[in-house]
Structure formats: C-alpha cells, structure tokens
Amino acid sequence: CGQCDKHFSESSRLVEHQRTHTGEKPYRCPDCPKTFSRGSHLIRHRRLHATQRGPGPALGAVRRGL
C-alpha cells in the first residue's frame, strides 16, 4: 500500500485494503441505504434482512451482482 506500507500477496486484498484509506463503499444493499467496502460484508448484512422477511433471492445472486 502506498499510504501505509502494508504488503499483500494478492492484488484483490490490496484493493480491499485501499478502501480503508479512501472510504469507498461500492457494495450497496438493495433493501436499505447501507453501503459496504467489502462484498462479504454486504452478504453478511443481507442475511439480517433475510431473517427479518423470510425467503428471498439467493445470496449467490448478491455475489454475482444480480
């Protein structure tokens, strides 16, 4: 990372880390206004909505951006 000198073996991990510096949150919940810096955090959050309303779209669709 050019801002804090952390090193990552995978470029995708560096991209995720850089969001801690930029504040970018590209993953938006379709059910509420919340946004997330990591797709895995959105998936975890969507499980809360699923338990509140019952069955809905498969969580795999979230991973594919559907």
PDB file of N, CA and C in Angstrom:
ATOM      1  N   CYS A   1       0.854  -1.182   0.000  1.00  0.00           N
ATOM      2  CA  CYS A   1       0.000   0.000   0.000  1.00  0.00           C
ATOM      3  C   CYS A   1       0.895   1.238   0.000  1.00  0.00           C
ATOM      4  N   GLY A   2       0.606   2.157  -0.868  1.00  0.00           N
ATOM      5  CA  GLY A   2       1.405   3.364  -0.972  1.00  0.00           C
ATOM      6  C   GLY A   2       1.184   4.358   0.151  1.00  0.00           C
ATOM      7  N   GLN A   3       0.143   4.157   0.936  1.00  0.00           N
ATOM      8  CA  GLN A   3      -0.145   5.113   2.009  1.00  0.00           C
ATOM      9  C   GLN A   3       0.344   4.662   3.374  1.00  0.00           C
ATOM     10  N   CYS A   4       0.408   3.344   3.601  1.00  0.00           N
ATOM     11  CA  CYS A   4       0.805   2.888   4.941  1.00  0.00           C
ATOM     12  C   CYS A   4       1.854   1.779   4.914  1.00  0.00           C
ATOM     13  N   ASP A   5       2.357   1.428   3.750  1.00  0.00           N
ATOM     14  CA  ASP A   5       3.423   0.435   3.593  1.00  0.00           C
ATOM     15  C   ASP A   5       3.037  -0.990   3.976  1.00  0.00           C
ATOM     16  N   LYS A   6       1.744  -1.297   4.045  1.00  0.00           N
ATOM     17  CA  LYS A   6       1.346  -2.693   4.240  1.00  0.00           C
ATOM     18  C   LYS A   6       1.533  -3.429   2.919  1.00  0.00           C
ATOM     19  N   HIS A   7       1.805  -4.721   3.015  1.00  0.00           N
ATOM     20  CA  HIS A   7       2.047  -5.538   1.827  1.00  0.00           C
ATOM     21  C   HIS A   7       1.019  -6.657   1.758  1.00  0.00           C
ATOM     22  N   PHE A   8       0.625  -7.000   0.540  1.00  0.00           N
ATOM     23  CA  PHE A   8      -0.380  -8.034   0.323  1.00  0.00           C
ATOM     24  C   PHE A   8       0.085  -8.952  -0.788  1.00  0.00           C
ATOM     25  N   SER A   9      -0.154 -10.247  -0.635  1.00  0.00           N
ATOM     26  CA  SER A   9       0.267 -11.210  -1.648  1.00  0.00           C
ATOM     27  C   SER A   9      -0.721 -11.273  -2.816  1.00  0.00           C
ATOM     28  N   GLU A  10      -1.940 -10.814  -2.598  1.00  0.00           N
ATOM     29  CA  GLU A  10      -2.948 -10.809  -3.660  1.00  0.00           C
ATOM     30  C   GLU A  10      -3.384  -9.375  -3.929  1.00  0.00           C
ATOM     31  N   SER A  11      -3.457  -9.020  -5.207  1.00  0.00           N
ATOM     32  CA  SER A  11      -3.824  -7.643  -5.555  1.00  0.00           C
ATOM     33  C   SER A  11      -5.241  -7.301  -5.103  1.00  0.00           C
ATOM     34  N   SER A  12      -6.127  -8.300  -5.066  1.00  0.00           N
ATOM     35  CA  SER A  12      -7.503  -8.030  -4.629  1.00  0.00           C
ATOM     36  C   SER A  12      -7.540  -7.618  -3.159  1.00  0.00           C
ATOM     37  N   ARG A  13      -6.646  -8.159  -2.366  1.00  0.00           N
ATOM     38  CA  ARG A  13      -6.577  -7.783  -0.944  1.00  0.00           C
ATOM     39  C   ARG A  13      -6.070  -6.347  -0.794  1.00  0.00           C
ATOM     40  N   LEU A  14      -5.154  -5.958  -1.664  1.00  0.00           N
ATOM     41  CA  LEU A  14      -4.668  -4.580  -1.644  1.00  0.00           C
ATOM     42  C   LEU A  14      -5.801  -3.618  -1.994  1.00  0.00           C
ATOM     43  N   VAL A  15      -6.590  -3.964  -3.000  1.00  0.00           N
ATOM     44  CA  VAL A  15      -7.726  -3.116  -3.394  1.00  0.00           C
ATOM     45  C   VAL A  15      -8.694  -2.965  -2.227  1.00  0.00           C
ATOM     46  N   GLU A  16      -9.018  -4.073  -1.560  1.00  0.00           N
ATOM     47  CA  GLU A  16      -9.905  -4.012  -0.389  1.00  0.00           C
ATOM     48  C   GLU A  16      -9.305  -3.123   0.696  1.00  0.00           C
ATOM     49  N   HIS A  17      -8.017  -3.286   0.942  1.00  0.00           N
ATOM     50  CA  HIS A  17      -7.348  -2.501   1.979  1.00  0.00           C
ATOM     51  C   HIS A  17      -7.354  -1.013   1.641  1.00  0.00           C
ATOM     52  N   GLN A  18      -7.113  -0.675   0.394  1.00  0.00           N
ATOM     53  CA  GLN A  18      -7.051   0.735  -0.004  1.00  0.00           C
ATOM     54  C   GLN A  18      -8.368   1.449   0.270  1.00  0.00           C
ATOM     55  N   ARG A  19      -9.452   0.717   0.294  1.00  0.00           N
ATOM     56  CA  ARG A  19     -10.748   1.330   0.611  1.00  0.00           C
ATOM     57  C   ARG A  19     -10.794   1.854   2.039  1.00  0.00           C
ATOM     58  N   THR A  20      -9.942   1.333   2.927  1.00  0.00           N
ATOM     59  CA  THR A  20      -9.901   1.875   4.289  1.00  0.00           C
ATOM     60  C   THR A  20      -9.356   3.298   4.275  1.00  0.00           C
ATOM     61  N   HIS A  21      -8.523   3.604   3.289  1.00  0.00           N
ATOM     62  CA  HIS A  21      -7.964   4.951   3.169  1.00  0.00           C
ATOM     63  C   HIS A  21      -8.900   5.887   2.399  1.00  0.00           C
ATOM     64  N   THR A  22      -9.563   5.364   1.370  1.00  0.00           N
ATOM     65  CA  THR A  22     -10.397   6.217   0.513  1.00  0.00           C
ATOM     66  C   THR A  22     -11.818   6.370   1.028  1.00  0.00           C
ATOM     67  N   GLY A  23     -12.267   5.394   1.836  1.00  0.00           N
ATOM     68  CA  GLY A  23     -13.649   5.422   2.311  1.00  0.00           C
ATOM     69  C   GLY A  23     -14.642   4.924   1.278  1.00  0.00           C
ATOM     70  N   GLU A  24     -14.143   4.405   0.155  1.00  0.00           N
ATOM     71  CA  GLU A  24     -15.022   3.895  -0.900  1.00  0.00           C
ATOM     72  C   GLU A  24     -15.834   2.705  -0.388  1.00  0.00           C
ATOM     73  N   LYS A  25     -17.119   2.708  -0.700  1.00  0.00           N
ATOM     74  CA  LYS A  25     -18.013   1.612  -0.325  1.00  0.00           C
ATOM     75  C   LYS A  25     -18.873   1.268  -1.537  1.00  0.00           C
ATOM     76  N   PRO A  26     -18.335   0.450  -2.446  1.00  0.00           N
ATOM     77  CA  PRO A  26     -19.022   0.182  -3.709  1.00  0.00           C
ATOM     78  C   PRO A  26     -20.154  -0.842  -3.634  1.00  0.00           C
ATOM     79  N   TYR A  27     -20.327  -1.495  -2.505  1.00  0.00           N
ATOM     80  CA  TYR A  27     -21.364  -2.524  -2.375  1.00  0.00           C
ATOM     81  C   TYR A  27     -22.559  -1.955  -1.631  1.00  0.00           C
ATOM     82  N   ARG A  28     -23.680  -1.823  -2.340  1.00  0.00           N
ATOM     83  CA  ARG A  28     -24.886  -1.199  -1.782  1.00  0.00           C
ATOM     84  C   ARG A  28     -25.950  -2.264  -1.527  1.00  0.00           C
ATOM     85  N   CYS A  29     -26.566  -2.192  -0.359  1.00  0.00           N
ATOM     86  CA  CYS A  29     -27.666  -3.089  -0.033  1.00  0.00           C
ATOM     87  C   CYS A  29     -28.890  -2.660  -0.838  1.00  0.00           C
ATOM     88  N   PRO A  30     -29.536  -3.589  -1.542  1.00  0.00           N
ATOM     89  CA  PRO A  30     -30.730  -3.228  -2.310  1.00  0.00           C
ATOM     90  C   PRO A  30     -31.968  -3.034  -1.433  1.00  0.00           C
ATOM     91  N   ASP A  31     -31.861  -3.402  -0.158  1.00  0.00           N
ATOM     92  CA  ASP A  31     -33.016  -3.343   0.738  1.00  0.00           C
ATOM     93  C   ASP A  31     -33.002  -2.160   1.698  1.00  0.00           C
ATOM     94  N   CYS A  32     -31.863  -1.486   1.829  1.00  0.00           N
ATOM     95  CA  CYS A  32     -31.758  -0.338   2.731  1.00  0.00           C
ATOM     96  C   CYS A  32     -30.616   0.551   2.239  1.00  0.00           C
ATOM     97  N   PRO A  33     -30.404   1.692   2.847  1.00  0.00           N
ATOM     98  CA  PRO A  33     -29.377   2.627   2.353  1.00  0.00           C
ATOM     99  C   PRO A  33     -27.928   2.276   2.695  1.00  0.00           C
ATOM    100  N   LYS A  34     -27.683   1.192   3.380  1.00  0.00           N
ATOM    101  CA  LYS A  34     -26.320   0.879   3.822  1.00  0.00           C
ATOM    102  C   LYS A  34     -25.414   0.511   2.646  1.00  0.00           C
ATOM    103  N   THR A  35     -24.141   0.893   2.779  1.00  0.00           N
ATOM    104  CA  THR A  35     -23.119   0.539   1.797  1.00  0.00           C
ATOM    105  C   THR A  35     -21.936  -0.092   2.527  1.00  0.00           C
ATOM    106  N   PHE A  36     -21.134  -0.857   1.775  1.00  0.00           N
ATOM    107  CA  PHE A  36     -20.052  -1.621   2.378  1.00  0.00           C
ATOM    108  C   PHE A  36     -18.808  -1.583   1.505  1.00  0.00           C
ATOM    109  N   SER A  37     -17.661  -1.688   2.136  1.00  0.00           N
ATOM    110  CA  SER A  37     -16.397  -1.682   1.407  1.00  0.00           C
ATOM    111  C   SER A  37     -16.034  -3.067   0.879  1.00  0.00           C
ATOM    112  N   ARG A  38     -16.636  -4.097   1.433  1.00  0.00           N
ATOM    113  CA  ARG A  38     -16.355  -5.475   1.003  1.00  0.00           C
ATOM    114  C   ARG A  38     -17.655  -6.203   0.692  1.00  0.00           C
ATOM    115  N   GLY A  39     -17.620  -6.976  -0.377  1.00  0.00           N
ATOM    116  CA  GLY A  39     -18.793  -7.747  -0.765  1.00  0.00           C
ATOM    117  C   GLY A  39     -19.206  -8.741   0.302  1.00  0.00           C
ATOM    118  N   SER A  40     -18.231  -9.294   1.012  1.00  0.00           N
ATOM    119  CA  SER A  40     -18.550 -10.263   2.064  1.00  0.00           C
ATOM    120  C   SER A  40     -19.323  -9.607   3.200  1.00  0.00           C
ATOM    121  N   HIS A  41     -19.063  -8.336   3.451  1.00  0.00           N
ATOM    122  CA  HIS A  41     -19.803  -7.629   4.499  1.00  0.00           C
ATOM    123  C   HIS A  41     -21.245  -7.381   4.065  1.00  0.00           C
ATOM    124  N   LEU A  42     -21.445  -7.119   2.774  1.00  0.00           N
ATOM    125  CA  LEU A  42     -22.808  -6.963   2.259  1.00  0.00           C
ATOM    126  C   LEU A  42     -23.570  -8.278   2.379  1.00  0.00           C
ATOM    127  N   ILE A  43     -22.941  -9.379   2.033  1.00  0.00           N
ATOM    128  CA  ILE A  43     -23.601 -10.687   2.125  1.00  0.00           C
ATOM    129  C   ILE A  43     -24.011 -10.974   3.565  1.00  0.00           C
ATOM    130  N   ARG A  44     -23.112 -10.711   4.500  1.00  0.00           N
ATOM    131  CA  ARG A  44     -23.425 -10.912   5.919  1.00  0.00           C
ATOM    132  C   ARG A  44     -24.598 -10.025   6.339  1.00  0.00           C
ATOM    133  N   HIS A  45     -24.593  -8.774   5.901  1.00  0.00           N
ATOM    134  CA  HIS A  45     -25.672  -7.836   6.219  1.00  0.00           C
ATOM    135  C   HIS A  45     -27.001  -8.300   5.623  1.00  0.00           C
ATOM    136  N   ARG A  46     -26.986  -8.795   4.398  1.00  0.00           N
ATOM    137  CA  ARG A  46     -28.228  -9.215   3.741  1.00  0.00           C
ATOM    138  C   ARG A  46     -28.878 -10.383   4.463  1.00  0.00           C
ATOM    139  N   ARG A  47     -28.100 -11.162   5.162  1.00  0.00           N
ATOM    140  CA  ARG A  47     -28.675 -12.258   5.953  1.00  0.00           C
ATOM    141  C   ARG A  47     -29.602 -11.709   7.030  1.00  0.00           C
ATOM    142  N   LEU A  48     -29.303 -10.528   7.544  1.00  0.00           N
ATOM    143  CA  LEU A  48     -30.185  -9.901   8.533  1.00  0.00           C
ATOM    144  C   LEU A  48     -31.543  -9.601   7.915  1.00  0.00           C
ATOM    145  N   HIS A  49     -31.546  -9.061   6.705  1.00  0.00           N
ATOM    146  CA  HIS A  49     -32.804  -8.784   6.020  1.00  0.00           C
ATOM    147  C   HIS A  49     -33.561 -10.084   5.741  1.00  0.00           C
ATOM    148  N   ALA A  50     -32.832 -11.123   5.355  1.00  0.00           N
ATOM    149  CA  ALA A  50     -33.463 -12.405   5.024  1.00  0.00           C
ATOM    150  C   ALA A  50     -34.171 -12.993   6.238  1.00  0.00           C
ATOM    151  N   THR A  51     -33.575 -12.863   7.415  1.00  0.00           N
ATOM    152  CA  THR A  51     -34.221 -13.412   8.611  1.00  0.00           C
ATOM    153  C   THR A  51     -35.406 -12.556   9.034  1.00  0.00           C
ATOM    154  N   GLN A  52     -35.401 -11.282   8.670  1.00  0.00           N
ATOM    155  CA  GLN A  52     -36.495 -10.386   9.036  1.00  0.00           C
ATOM    156  C   GLN A  52     -37.725 -10.586   8.161  1.00  0.00           C
ATOM    157  N   ARG A  53     -37.527 -10.939   6.883  1.00  0.00           N
ATOM    158  CA  ARG A  53     -38.668 -11.026   5.974  1.00  0.00           C
ATOM    159  C   ARG A  53     -38.933 -12.419   5.429  1.00  0.00           C
ATOM    160  N   GLY A  54     -38.072 -13.368   5.709  1.00  0.00           N
ATOM    161  CA  GLY A  54     -38.261 -14.714   5.200  1.00  0.00           C
ATOM    162  C   GLY A  54     -37.482 -14.931   3.916  1.00  0.00           C
ATOM    163  N   PRO A  55     -37.784 -16.001   3.182  1.00  0.00           N
ATOM    164  CA  PRO A  55     -37.026 -16.350   1.980  1.00  0.00           C
ATOM    165  C   PRO A  55     -37.076 -15.241   0.930  1.00  0.00           C
ATOM    166  N   GLY A  56     -35.955 -15.062   0.255  1.00  0.00           N
ATOM    167  CA  GLY A  56     -35.855 -14.066  -0.801  1.00  0.00           C
ATOM    168  C   GLY A  56     -34.879 -14.559  -1.846  1.00  0.00           C
ATOM    169  N   PRO A  57     -34.245 -13.651  -2.583  1.00  0.00           N
ATOM    170  CA  PRO A  57     -33.286 -14.078  -3.600  1.00  0.00           C
ATOM    171  C   PRO A  57     -32.110 -14.810  -2.965  1.00  0.00           C
ATOM    172  N   ALA A  58     -31.574 -15.736  -3.706  1.00  0.00           N
ATOM    173  CA  ALA A  58     -30.422 -16.488  -3.205  1.00  0.00           C
ATOM    174  C   ALA A  58     -29.258 -15.541  -2.964  1.00  0.00           C
ATOM    175  N   LEU A  59     -28.514 -15.775  -1.894  1.00  0.00           N
ATOM    176  CA  LEU A  59     -27.384 -14.912  -1.583  1.00  0.00           C
ATOM    177  C   LEU A  59     -26.310 -15.004  -2.654  1.00  0.00           C
ATOM    178  N   GLY A  60     -26.273 -16.098  -3.399  1.00  0.00           N
ATOM    179  CA  GLY A  60     -25.328 -16.211  -4.510  1.00  0.00           C
ATOM    180  C   GLY A  60     -25.563 -15.144  -5.554  1.00  0.00           C
ATOM    181  N   ALA A  61     -26.802 -14.694  -5.697  1.00  0.00           N
ATOM    182  CA  ALA A  61     -27.105 -13.630  -6.650  1.00  0.00           C
ATOM    183  C   ALA A  61     -26.428 -12.336  -6.232  1.00  0.00           C
ATOM    184  N   VAL A  62     -26.239 -12.132  -4.944  1.00  0.00           N
ATOM    185  CA  VAL A  62     -25.554 -10.932  -4.458  1.00  0.00           C
ATOM    186  C   VAL A  62     -24.104 -10.971  -4.905  1.00  0.00           C
ATOM    187  N   ARG A  63     -23.482 -12.126  -4.805  1.00  0.00           N
ATOM    188  CA  ARG A  63     -22.078 -12.253  -5.197  1.00  0.00           C
ATOM    189  C   ARG A  63     -21.889 -11.948  -6.677  1.00  0.00           C
ATOM    190  N   ARG A  64     -22.866 -12.316  -7.492  1.00  0.00           N
ATOM    191  CA  ARG A  64     -22.769 -12.087  -8.930  1.00  0.00           C
ATOM    192  C   ARG A  64     -23.280 -10.711  -9.328  1.00  0.00           C
ATOM    193  N   GLY A  65     -23.746  -9.936  -8.374  1.00  0.00           N
ATOM    194  CA  GLY A  65     -24.227  -8.598  -8.669  1.00  0.00           C
ATOM    195  C   GLY A  65     -25.586  -8.564  -9.323  1.00  0.00           C
ATOM    196  N   LEU A  66     -26.377  -9.607  -9.129  1.00  0.00           N
ATOM    197  CA  LEU A  66     -27.716  -9.653  -9.737  1.00  0.00           C
ATOM    198  C   LEU A  66     -28.744  -9.010  -8.846  1.00  0.00           C
TER     199      LEU A  66
END
